[in-house]
Structure formats: C-alpha cells, structure tokens
C-alpha atoms as a PDB file:
ATOM      1  CA  UNK A   1       0.000   0.000   0.000  1.00  0.00           C
ATOM      2  CA  UNK A   2       2.832   2.423   0.808  1.00  0.00           C
ATOM      3  CA  UNK A   3       4.311   1.643  -2.597  1.00  0.00           C
ATOM      4  CA  UNK A   4       1.106   2.738  -4.399  1.00  0.00           C
ATOM      5  CA  UNK A   5       0.803   5.899  -2.292  1.00  0.00           C
ATOM      6  CA  UNK A   6       4.375   6.792  -3.141  1.00  0.00           C
ATOM      7  CA  UNK A   7       3.738   6.179  -6.874  1.00  0.00           C
ATOM      8  CA  UNK A   8       0.572   8.282  -6.760  1.00  0.00           C
ATOM      9  CA  UNK A   9       2.484  11.087  -5.038  1.00  0.00           C
ATOM     10  CA  UNK A  10       5.350  10.835  -7.556  1.00  0.00           C
ATOM     11  CA  UNK A  11       2.905  10.851 -10.485  1.00  0.00           C
ATOM     12  CA  UNK A  12       1.133  13.957  -9.161  1.00  0.00           C
ATOM     13  CA  UNK A  13       4.459  15.776  -8.732  1.00  0.00           C
ATOM     14  CA  UNK A  14       5.478  14.805 -12.263  1.00  0.00           C
ATOM     15  CA  UNK A  15       2.154  15.925 -13.776  1.00  0.00           C
ATOM     16  CA  UNK A  16       2.291  19.224 -11.881  1.00  0.00           C
ATOM     17  CA  UNK A  17       5.869  19.818 -13.028  1.00  0.00           C
ATOM     18  CA  UNK A  18       5.014  19.076 -16.661  1.00  0.00           C
ATOM     19  CA  UNK A  19       1.943  21.323 -16.510  1.00  0.00           C
ATOM     20  CA  UNK A  20       3.765  24.330 -15.096  1.00  0.00           C
ATOM     21  CA  UNK A  21       6.864  23.887 -17.230  1.00  0.00           C
ATOM     22  CA  UNK A  22       4.730  23.812 -20.374  1.00  0.00           C
ATOM     23  CA  UNK A  23       3.200  27.204 -19.542  1.00  0.00           C
ATOM     24  CA  UNK A  24       4.948  29.880 -21.533  1.00  0.00           C
ATOM     25  CA  UNK A  25       6.440  32.515 -19.277  1.00  0.00           C
ATOM     26  CA  UNK A  26       6.325  35.855 -20.985  1.00  0.00           C
ATOM     27  CA  UNK A  27       8.330  38.666 -19.453  1.00  0.00           C
ATOM     28  CA  UNK A  28       6.731  41.716 -20.841  1.00  0.00           C
ATOM     29  CA  UNK A  29       4.696  43.561 -23.367  1.00  0.00           C
ATOM     30  CA  UNK A  30       6.676  46.044 -25.438  1.00  0.00           C
ATOM     31  CA  UNK A  31       5.253  49.560 -25.519  1.00  0.00           C
ATOM     32  CA  UNK A  32       6.262  51.599 -28.606  1.00  0.00           C
ATOM     33  CA  UNK A  33       5.301  55.072 -29.649  1.00  0.00           C
ATOM     34  CA  UNK A  34       7.013  57.918 -31.525  1.00  0.00           C
ATOM     35  CA  UNK A  35      10.327  56.037 -31.570  1.00  0.00           C
ATOM     36  CA  UNK A  36      10.323  55.414 -27.805  1.00  0.00           C
ATOM     37  CA  UNK A  37       9.942  51.900 -26.482  1.00  0.00           C
ATOM     38  CA  UNK A  38      10.163  50.019 -23.205  1.00  0.00           C
ATOM     39  CA  UNK A  39       9.040  46.750 -21.681  1.00  0.00           C
ATOM     40  CA  UNK A  40       5.915  46.791 -19.571  1.00  0.00           C
ATOM     41  CA  UNK A  41       6.336  44.029 -16.938  1.00  0.00           C
ATOM     42  CA  UNK A  42       3.764  41.305 -16.366  1.00  0.00           C
ATOM     43  CA  UNK A  43       0.901  42.414 -14.146  1.00  0.00           C
ATOM     44  CA  UNK A  44       1.303  46.039 -15.205  1.00  0.00           C
ATOM     45  CA  UNK A  45      -1.242  47.815 -17.364  1.00  0.00           C
ATOM     46  CA  UNK A  46      -1.595  51.144 -19.053  1.00  0.00           C
ATOM     47  CA  UNK A  47      -4.071  53.142 -17.043  1.00  0.00           C
ATOM     48  CA  UNK A  48      -4.233  56.411 -18.981  1.00  0.00           C
ATOM     49  CA  UNK A  49      -2.772  57.948 -22.104  1.00  0.00           C
ATOM     50  CA  UNK A  50      -3.028  61.635 -22.947  1.00  0.00           C
ATOM     51  CA  UNK A  51      -1.488  62.889 -26.155  1.00  0.00           C
ATOM     52  CA  UNK A  52      -3.953  65.571 -27.131  1.00  0.00           C
ATOM     53  CA  UNK A  53      -1.182  68.069 -27.729  1.00  0.00           C
ATOM     54  CA  UNK A  54       1.034  67.407 -30.742  1.00  0.00           C
ATOM     55  CA  UNK A  55       4.307  67.893 -28.871  1.00  0.00           C
ATOM     56  CA  UNK A  56       3.352  66.262 -25.548  1.00  0.00           C
ATOM     57  CA  UNK A  57       2.663  62.689 -24.412  1.00  0.00           C
ATOM     58  CA  UNK A  58       1.649  61.398 -20.948  1.00  0.00           C
ATOM     59  CA  UNK A  59       0.807  57.930 -19.679  1.00  0.00           C
ATOM     60  CA  UNK A  60       0.238  56.322 -16.322  1.00  0.00           C
ATOM     61  CA  UNK A  61       0.833  52.634 -15.736  1.00  0.00           C
ATOM     62  CA  UNK A  62       0.161  50.630 -12.634  1.00  0.00           C
ATOM     63  CA  UNK A  63       0.743  47.204 -11.223  1.00  0.00           C
ATOM     64  CA  UNK A  64      -2.468  45.208 -10.886  1.00  0.00           C
ATOM     65  CA  UNK A  65      -3.403  42.153  -8.880  1.00  0.00           C
ATOM     66  CA  UNK A  66      -2.350  40.836  -5.505  1.00  0.00           C
ATOM     67  CA  UNK A  67       0.285  42.996  -3.800  1.00  0.00           C
ATOM     68  CA  UNK A  68      -0.063  45.764  -6.360  1.00  0.00           C
ATOM     69  CA  UNK A  69       1.221  48.891  -4.694  1.00  0.00           C
ATOM     70  CA  UNK A  70       3.164  50.681  -7.419  1.00  0.00           C
ATOM     71  CA  UNK A  71       2.630  52.940 -10.375  1.00  0.00           C
ATOM     72  CA  UNK A  72       4.649  54.929 -12.837  1.00  0.00           C
ATOM     73  CA  UNK A  73       4.152  58.020 -14.945  1.00  0.00           C
ATOM     74  CA  UNK A  74       5.899  58.556 -18.266  1.00  0.00           C
ATOM     75  CA  UNK A  75       5.791  61.762 -20.226  1.00  0.00           C
ATOM     76  CA  UNK A  76       7.777  63.336 -22.967  1.00  0.00           C
ATOM     77  CA  UNK A  77       7.891  66.613 -24.815  1.00  0.00           C
ATOM     78  CA  UNK A  78       9.202  67.204 -28.296  1.00  0.00           C
ATOM     79  CA  UNK A  79      12.524  69.003 -28.321  1.00  0.00           C
ATOM     80  CA  UNK A  80      15.195  69.663 -25.770  1.00  0.00           C
ATOM     81  CA  UNK A  81      13.945  71.222 -22.542  1.00  0.00           C
ATOM     82  CA  UNK A  82      16.184  72.016 -19.586  1.00  0.00           C
ATOM     83  CA  UNK A  83      16.151  69.082 -17.155  1.00  0.00           C
ATOM     84  CA  UNK A  84      15.952  71.487 -14.196  1.00  0.00           C
ATOM     85  CA  UNK A  85      12.826  73.002 -15.741  1.00  0.00           C
ATOM     86  CA  UNK A  86      11.204  69.590 -16.230  1.00  0.00           C
ATOM     87  CA  UNK A  87      12.087  68.552 -12.665  1.00  0.00           C
ATOM     88  CA  UNK A  88      10.706  71.804 -11.203  1.00  0.00           C
ATOM     89  CA  UNK A  89       7.455  71.499 -13.167  1.00  0.00           C
ATOM     90  CA  UNK A  90       7.072  67.852 -12.089  1.00  0.00           C
ATOM     91  CA  UNK A  91       7.705  68.602  -8.429  1.00  0.00           C
ATOM     92  CA  UNK A  92       5.341  71.586  -8.545  1.00  0.00           C
ATOM     93  CA  UNK A  93       2.688  69.262  -9.959  1.00  0.00           C
ATOM     94  CA  UNK A  94       2.816  67.269  -6.729  1.00  0.00           C
ATOM     95  CA  UNK A  95       2.447  70.443  -4.664  1.00  0.00           C
ATOM     96  CA  UNK A  96      -0.642  71.320  -6.701  1.00  0.00           C
ATOM     97  CA  UNK A  97      -2.468  68.265  -5.283  1.00  0.00           C
ATOM     98  CA  UNK A  98      -3.826  68.558  -1.757  1.00  0.00           C
ATOM     99  CA  UNK A  99      -3.310  64.869  -0.949  1.00  0.00           C
ATOM    100  CA  UNK A 100       0.461  65.243  -1.454  1.00  0.00           C
ATOM    101  CA  UNK A 101       0.668  68.521   0.464  1.00  0.00           C
ATOM    102  CA  UNK A 102      -1.370  67.064   3.338  1.00  0.00           C
ATOM    103  CA  UNK A 103       0.886  63.992   3.242  1.00  0.00           C
ATOM    104  CA  UNK A 104       3.961  66.184   3.810  1.00  0.00           C
ATOM    105  CA  UNK A 105       5.734  65.445   0.522  1.00  0.00           C
ATOM    106  CA  UNK A 106       9.490  66.042   0.656  1.00  0.00           C
ATOM    107  CA  UNK A 107      11.957  65.892  -2.243  1.00  0.00           C
ATOM    108  CA  UNK A 108      15.696  65.292  -2.150  1.00  0.00           C
ATOM    109  CA  UNK A 109      17.949  67.698  -4.027  1.00  0.00           C
ATOM    110  CA  UNK A 110      18.043  66.710  -7.685  1.00  0.00           C
ATOM    111  CA  UNK A 111      21.303  65.178  -8.897  1.00  0.00           C
ATOM    112  CA  UNK A 112      22.594  63.473 -12.032  1.00  0.00           C
ATOM    113  CA  UNK A 113      22.356  59.664 -12.025  1.00  0.00           C
ATOM    114  CA  UNK A 114      22.185  56.901 -14.587  1.00  0.00           C
ATOM    115  CA  UNK A 115      18.798  55.807 -15.817  1.00  0.00           C
ATOM    116  CA  UNK A 116      19.486  52.804 -17.999  1.00  0.00           C
ATOM    117  CA  UNK A 117      21.973  54.099 -20.544  1.00  0.00           C
ATOM    118  CA  UNK A 118      21.028  57.756 -20.058  1.00  0.00           C
ATOM    119  CA  UNK A 119      22.191  60.446 -17.671  1.00  0.00           C
ATOM    120  CA  UNK A 120      19.153  61.712 -15.814  1.00  0.00           C
ATOM    121  CA  UNK A 121      18.431  64.444 -13.325  1.00  0.00           C
ATOM    122  CA  UNK A 122      16.932  62.450 -10.441  1.00  0.00           C
ATOM    123  CA  UNK A 123      15.079  63.298  -7.238  1.00  0.00           C
ATOM    124  CA  UNK A 124      13.602  60.984  -4.617  1.00  0.00           C
ATOM    125  CA  UNK A 125      10.517  61.858  -2.611  1.00  0.00           C
ATOM    126  CA  UNK A 126       8.578  60.562   0.352  1.00  0.00           C
ATOM    127  CA  UNK A 127       5.010  61.250   1.362  1.00  0.00           C
ATOM    128  CA  UNK A 128       2.322  59.751   3.555  1.00  0.00           C
ATOM    129  CA  UNK A 129      -0.757  58.928   1.477  1.00  0.00           C
ATOM    130  CA  UNK A 130      -3.822  57.760   3.415  1.00  0.00           C
ATOM    131  CA  UNK A 131      -1.532  57.041   6.392  1.00  0.00           C
ATOM    132  CA  UNK A 132       0.711  54.828   4.238  1.00  0.00           C
ATOM    133  CA  UNK A 133       4.385  55.725   3.787  1.00  0.00           C
ATOM    134  CA  UNK A 134       5.003  56.089   0.075  1.00  0.00           C
ATOM    135  CA  UNK A 135       8.254  56.710  -1.792  1.00  0.00           C
ATOM    136  CA  UNK A 136       8.952  57.785  -5.318  1.00  0.00           C
ATOM    137  CA  UNK A 137      11.702  58.667  -7.733  1.00  0.00           C
ATOM    138  CA  UNK A 138      11.633  61.136 -10.622  1.00  0.00           C
ATOM    139  CA  UNK A 139      14.016  60.880 -13.589  1.00  0.00           C
ATOM    140  CA  UNK A 140      14.352  63.569 -16.276  1.00  0.00           C
ATOM    141  CA  UNK A 141      16.554  63.061 -19.345  1.00  0.00           C
ATOM    142  CA  UNK A 142      16.932  63.933 -23.006  1.00  0.00           C
ATOM    143  CA  UNK A 143      16.734  61.398 -25.865  1.00  0.00           C
ATOM    144  CA  UNK A 144      18.784  62.902 -28.650  1.00  0.00           C
ATOM    145  CA  UNK A 145      17.871  60.333 -31.330  1.00  0.00           C
ATOM    146  CA  UNK A 146      14.155  60.942 -30.738  1.00  0.00           C
ATOM    147  CA  UNK A 147      14.504  64.658 -29.980  1.00  0.00           C
ATOM    148  CA  UNK A 148      12.432  64.285 -26.833  1.00  0.00           C
ATOM    149  CA  UNK A 149      12.783  65.297 -23.199  1.00  0.00           C
ATOM    150  CA  UNK A 150      11.483  62.512 -20.955  1.00  0.00           C
ATOM    151  CA  UNK A 151      10.220  62.403 -17.372  1.00  0.00           C
ATOM    152  CA  UNK A 152       9.600  59.089 -15.624  1.00  0.00           C
ATOM    153  CA  UNK A 153       8.295  58.951 -12.052  1.00  0.00           C
ATOM    154  CA  UNK A 154       7.959  55.765 -10.000  1.00  0.00           C
ATOM    155  CA  UNK A 155       5.808  55.579  -6.892  1.00  0.00           C
ATOM    156  CA  UNK A 156       5.338  52.717  -4.445  1.00  0.00           C
ATOM    157  CA  UNK A 157       4.311  51.857  -0.925  1.00  0.00           C
ATOM    158  CA  UNK A 158       7.537  52.042   1.079  1.00  0.00           C
ATOM    159  CA  UNK A 159       7.277  48.611   2.707  1.00  0.00           C
ATOM    160  CA  UNK A 160       6.851  46.997  -0.741  1.00  0.00           C
ATOM    161  CA  UNK A 161       9.789  48.747  -2.393  1.00  0.00           C
ATOM    162  CA  UNK A 162      11.928  45.590  -2.598  1.00  0.00           C
ATOM    163  CA  UNK A 163       9.089  43.805  -4.433  1.00  0.00           C
ATOM    164  CA  UNK A 164       8.823  46.554  -7.048  1.00  0.00           C
ATOM    165  CA  UNK A 165      12.536  46.980  -7.763  1.00  0.00           C
ATOM    166  CA  UNK A 166      12.679  44.223 -10.395  1.00  0.00           C
ATOM    167  CA  UNK A 167       9.705  45.650 -12.302  1.00  0.00           C
ATOM    168  CA  UNK A 168      11.101  49.180 -12.289  1.00  0.00           C
ATOM    169  CA  UNK A 169      14.452  47.758 -13.460  1.00  0.00           C
ATOM    170  CA  UNK A 170      12.728  46.040 -16.422  1.00  0.00           C
ATOM    171  CA  UNK A 171      11.306  49.381 -17.546  1.00  0.00           C
ATOM    172  CA  UNK A 172      14.580  51.217 -16.965  1.00  0.00           C
ATOM    173  CA  UNK A 173      16.863  48.726 -18.712  1.00  0.00           C
ATOM    174  CA  UNK A 174      14.578  48.437 -21.730  1.00  0.00           C
ATOM    175  CA  UNK A 175      13.807  52.146 -22.111  1.00  0.00           C
ATOM    176  CA  UNK A 176      15.135  53.410 -25.386  1.00  0.00           C
ATOM    177  CA  UNK A 177      14.669  55.314 -28.542  1.00  0.00           C
ATOM    178  CA  UNK A 178      15.307  54.642 -32.172  1.00  0.00           C
ATOM    179  CA  UNK A 179      16.122  57.536 -34.423  1.00  0.00           C
ATOM    180  CA  UNK A 180      12.980  58.943 -35.960  1.00  0.00           C
ATOM    181  CA  UNK A 181      13.557  59.764 -39.616  1.00  0.00           C
ATOM    182  CA  UNK A 182      11.711  62.562 -41.342  1.00  0.00           C
ATOM    183  CA  UNK A 183       9.572  61.271 -44.186  1.00  0.00           C
ATOM    184  CA  UNK A 184      10.405  64.158 -46.478  1.00  0.00           C
ATOM    185  CA  UNK A 185      10.672  63.244 -50.135  1.00  0.00           C
END
C-alpha cells in the first residue's frame, strides 16, 4: 500500500511539473510610440494615455493584482527642454495636489544619475498617502535620437519597495529610442 501511495504522489508531482513547465512565461509587453519603447512588466497595465497636444505625451501605468502597490508616470515633450525646468514642473505638480501637500511630501535635491543608458536628473521623494508611507523617484533626461525630453516617475508603498525593484528595473533597462527619420521626399 505504501508503494502505491508513493507512486501516486510521484505521479502527481510529475504531472504538476510538466503542466507548469509547459506554460509559456512571458516577461513583458513592449510599448512603442514615436520612436520610444520600453518593456511593460507582467501584471502592469496602461491606465491612462493623454497625447492631445502634438508635442506632448503622458501615460500612467500601474501594477495590478495581488500585492499591487506601485505605479509609474511617463511623459515626454518634443525638443530639448532644460532638465531642471522639467524637474521643477514635475515637483510643482505634486504640490498642486492637496493629498500630497497634506501627506507632507518632501523631495531630495536633484542630482545626475544613470537611468538605464542615459544620464538623468533624479530626485527621490517621500510622502504619507492615506496614512501609508510612500516613496517615489523622478528621472528627467533627453533622448537625442528621438529629440524628446522625458520624465519618468515611479511611486510605491515604502514597505513593498523591494518587491517593485525588479519591475522598475525592467522598464529602466529596456527604455530606449530609435532615431525617428523625417519622411520628407
């Protein structure tokens, strides 16, 4: 009897292993627009896109499902804009929302850091949103090949920051631009 129980157990482990190993694991969906592309990690979805102005693009993405406590904002403007200007406008945008002011938002001094293969002006912030400690990071950089100034902001619940690091890294390491050619004949 023990022999049959062991075989049944072994067979169930084998079937489970075959089932899960046959499932295709897909890392990401590739987002592409106006020459810019990046990988959107599993369990992340595009929440909002606003590109009503010809020279401006904004999108918000957020992690969905169990343990989802992170989001990101990506925007770009056509042309080269001073990174200090973009950072100041972004930070002021937080001060324009009562929930962030009431949460005591604080920014670190902006400094140059690497964001993937780009040099970015970066600032970290902390705020208490609905009594939950939240942290974020803002990156501003210029993509010469696409002629765009980019701002990316990450936000997450502080106690979950280690869980979100891998997803943010996927976006960062895949973020890029291919030269946009004019179609002039």
